[in-house]
């Protein structure tokens, strides 16, 4: 059981980290350029080109680092941890950013303002984007890495991790809301 959780978290780290990196290194021009649709912003000021690029680069770099750390981690634990191709690392990182952007688009369409919570969507939009893009870009790697038990762990664990990391970011003054 512990190995299944460790494998799932390891496999998702390149997708978990990008949104945090976007908060730290983001800012600048919003992706939507201030444009509206139906009287509402397409995305809002929180989705920026710099944040998206930073998140993608940090997530991709993390996948490369995890590949280097895997042998030592496996030797200490006797577990088998996933390795990332460059394609899968980029897909997870950019997919997470794209999923979060799509979530923002849907929130704006429903009238939710930036920072307002949308239970479920806020916690899993980036997971859906990361998994969908990784499956499309690297299907064999995806099938080996994201087995049904791994996906189940990801779907159960991610909302808890999301709430915890957002509360920490709020406590550090990096976010305006704790969710």
Protein backbone atom coordinates (compact mmCIF):
# COMPACT_ATOMS: atom_id res chain seq x y z
CA UNK A 1 0.00 0.00 0.00
CA UNK A 2 2.75 2.45 0.90
CA UNK A 3 4.59 1.61 -2.32
CA UNK A 4 1.42 2.30 -4.35
CA UNK A 5 1.10 5.73 -2.72
CA UNK A 6 4.79 6.47 -3.25
CA UNK A 7 4.62 5.43 -6.93
CA UNK A 8 1.51 7.58 -7.50
CA UNK A 9 3.01 10.66 -5.85
CA UNK A 10 6.33 10.15 -7.67
CA UNK A 11 4.54 9.82 -11.01
CA UNK A 12 2.47 12.95 -10.35
CA UNK A 13 5.18 15.23 -8.94
CA UNK A 14 5.89 16.80 -12.36
CA UNK A 15 2.17 17.68 -12.45
CA UNK A 16 1.82 18.65 -8.77
CA UNK A 17 4.62 21.23 -8.78
CA UNK A 18 3.86 23.44 -11.83
CA UNK A 19 0.96 25.38 -10.32
CA UNK A 20 3.03 26.15 -7.24
CA UNK A 21 5.88 27.34 -9.47
CA UNK A 22 3.40 29.49 -11.41
CA UNK A 23 2.37 31.20 -8.15
CA UNK A 24 6.02 31.84 -7.22
CA UNK A 25 7.34 32.90 -10.64
CA UNK A 26 4.18 34.08 -12.39
CA UNK A 27 2.78 37.51 -12.94
CA UNK A 28 3.00 39.63 -16.02
CA UNK A 29 0.66 39.59 -18.98
CA UNK A 30 -2.48 37.52 -18.56
CA UNK A 31 -3.02 34.86 -21.20
CA UNK A 32 -6.45 36.24 -22.08
CA UNK A 33 -5.06 39.76 -22.57
CA UNK A 34 -8.02 41.13 -20.62
CA UNK A 35 -10.50 39.85 -23.20
CA UNK A 36 -14.04 38.94 -22.23
CA UNK A 37 -16.67 36.57 -23.48
CA UNK A 38 -20.28 37.11 -22.56
CA UNK A 39 -19.32 40.01 -20.31
CA UNK A 40 -16.87 37.95 -18.27
CA UNK A 41 -13.11 37.58 -18.48
CA UNK A 42 -11.97 34.52 -20.37
CA UNK A 43 -9.51 33.48 -17.66
CA UNK A 44 -8.54 36.37 -15.39
CA UNK A 45 -5.32 37.98 -14.25
CA UNK A 46 -4.12 34.86 -12.43
CA UNK A 47 -3.36 32.91 -15.59
CA UNK A 48 -0.25 34.43 -17.14
CA UNK A 49 2.18 33.49 -19.87
CA UNK A 50 5.13 33.73 -17.47
CA UNK A 51 3.43 31.53 -14.87
CA UNK A 52 2.51 28.92 -17.46
CA UNK A 53 6.03 28.83 -18.86
CA UNK A 54 7.61 28.75 -15.40
CA UNK A 55 5.31 25.97 -14.24
CA UNK A 56 5.99 23.90 -17.33
CA UNK A 57 9.76 24.35 -17.07
CA UNK A 58 9.87 23.58 -13.34
CA UNK A 59 7.68 20.48 -13.73
CA UNK A 60 9.79 19.25 -16.64
CA UNK A 61 13.03 19.88 -14.76
CA UNK A 62 11.62 17.99 -11.80
CA UNK A 63 10.94 14.96 -14.01
CA UNK A 64 14.60 14.98 -15.08
CA UNK A 65 15.71 15.28 -11.44
CA UNK A 66 13.41 12.43 -10.37
CA UNK A 67 15.01 10.20 -13.00
CA UNK A 68 18.40 10.88 -11.41
CA UNK A 69 17.10 10.30 -7.88
CA UNK A 70 15.15 7.12 -8.68
CA UNK A 71 18.02 4.60 -8.40
CA UNK A 72 19.01 5.81 -4.92
CA UNK A 73 15.38 5.92 -3.77
CA UNK A 74 14.78 2.42 -5.11
CA UNK A 75 17.90 1.09 -3.38
CA UNK A 76 16.72 2.43 -0.03
CA UNK A 77 13.14 1.24 -0.35
CA UNK A 78 13.30 -1.77 -2.70
CA UNK A 79 10.41 -0.19 -4.64
CA UNK A 80 10.14 0.30 -8.37
CA UNK A 81 9.60 3.97 -9.24
CA UNK A 82 8.51 5.40 -12.59
CA UNK A 83 11.00 7.01 -14.95
CA UNK A 84 10.05 9.90 -17.20
CA UNK A 85 10.84 10.46 -20.83
CA UNK A 86 11.24 14.12 -21.78
CA UNK A 87 7.93 13.85 -23.60
CA UNK A 88 6.07 12.49 -20.57
CA UNK A 89 7.64 15.06 -18.24
CA UNK A 90 6.65 17.97 -20.47
CA UNK A 91 3.19 16.49 -20.99
CA UNK A 92 2.55 16.13 -17.26
CA UNK A 93 3.82 19.63 -16.48
CA UNK A 94 2.15 21.47 -19.36
CA UNK A 95 -0.98 19.33 -19.04
CA UNK A 96 -1.29 20.39 -15.41
CA UNK A 97 -1.02 24.04 -16.42
CA UNK A 98 -3.53 23.57 -19.28
CA UNK A 99 -5.96 21.77 -16.99
CA UNK A 100 -5.77 24.60 -14.48
CA UNK A 101 -6.32 27.15 -17.27
CA UNK A 102 -9.35 25.17 -18.50
CA UNK A 103 -10.68 25.09 -14.94
CA UNK A 104 -10.33 28.85 -14.74
CA UNK A 105 -12.22 29.21 -18.03
CA UNK A 106 -15.11 27.08 -16.70
CA UNK A 107 -15.17 29.00 -13.43
CA UNK A 108 -15.46 32.30 -15.30
CA UNK A 109 -18.30 30.89 -17.41
CA UNK A 110 -20.24 29.97 -14.26
CA UNK A 111 -19.74 33.43 -12.78
CA UNK A 112 -17.19 32.47 -10.13
CA UNK A 113 -14.61 35.18 -9.51
CA UNK A 114 -10.88 34.61 -9.31
CA UNK A 115 -10.09 32.88 -6.05
CA UNK A 116 -13.60 31.58 -5.44
CA UNK A 117 -13.66 27.88 -4.67
CA UNK A 118 -15.21 25.35 -7.03
CA UNK A 119 -15.17 22.11 -5.07
CA UNK A 120 -13.72 19.27 -7.15
CA UNK A 121 -12.77 21.44 -10.09
CA UNK A 122 -10.10 23.32 -8.16
CA UNK A 123 -8.59 20.11 -6.85
CA UNK A 124 -8.67 17.97 -9.97
CA UNK A 125 -8.63 20.19 -13.08
CA UNK A 126 -4.85 20.06 -13.31
CA UNK A 127 -4.86 16.28 -12.76
CA UNK A 128 -7.28 15.78 -15.65
CA UNK A 129 -5.14 17.98 -17.90
CA UNK A 130 -1.89 16.28 -16.92
CA UNK A 131 -3.22 12.75 -17.33
CA UNK A 132 -4.99 13.51 -20.62
CA UNK A 133 -1.93 15.13 -22.21
CA UNK A 134 0.45 12.46 -20.89
CA UNK A 135 -1.80 9.75 -22.30
CA UNK A 136 -2.01 11.51 -25.67
CA UNK A 137 1.72 12.26 -25.93
CA UNK A 138 3.19 9.10 -24.43
CA UNK A 139 0.54 6.35 -24.45
CA UNK A 140 2.79 3.36 -23.71
CA UNK A 141 4.53 5.17 -20.85
CA UNK A 142 1.16 6.30 -19.53
CA UNK A 143 -0.28 2.75 -19.59
CA UNK A 144 2.74 1.38 -17.69
CA UNK A 145 2.79 4.21 -15.16
CA UNK A 146 -0.84 5.07 -14.52
CA UNK A 147 -2.45 1.74 -13.78
CA UNK A 148 -5.96 1.76 -12.33
CA UNK A 149 -4.69 1.50 -8.73
CA UNK A 150 -2.27 4.39 -9.36
CA UNK A 151 -5.02 6.57 -10.81
CA UNK A 152 -7.25 5.69 -7.86
CA UNK A 153 -4.54 6.78 -5.41
CA UNK A 154 -4.02 10.01 -7.38
CA UNK A 155 -7.74 10.82 -7.37
CA UNK A 156 -8.07 10.15 -3.64
CA UNK A 157 -4.83 11.75 -2.48
CA UNK A 158 -4.71 14.84 -4.71
CA UNK A 159 -7.60 16.76 -3.10
CA UNK A 160 -5.98 16.31 0.32
CA UNK A 161 -2.58 17.44 -0.95
CA UNK A 162 -4.21 20.37 -2.76
CA UNK A 163 -5.91 21.63 0.40
CA UNK A 164 -2.71 21.19 2.44
CA UNK A 165 -0.40 22.97 -0.02
CA UNK A 166 -2.88 25.83 -0.52
CA UNK A 167 -3.19 26.31 3.22
CA UNK A 168 0.60 26.47 3.49
CA UNK A 169 0.82 28.97 0.60
CA UNK A 170 -1.88 31.08 2.26
CA UNK A 171 0.00 30.96 5.58
CA UNK A 172 3.16 32.12 3.80
CA UNK A 173 1.27 34.99 2.16
CA UNK A 174 1.65 33.56 -1.34
CA UNK A 175 -2.12 33.11 -1.90
CA UNK A 176 -5.07 35.31 -1.05
CA UNK A 177 -7.30 32.39 -0.05
CA UNK A 178 -6.55 29.19 1.89
CA UNK A 179 -8.18 26.78 -0.59
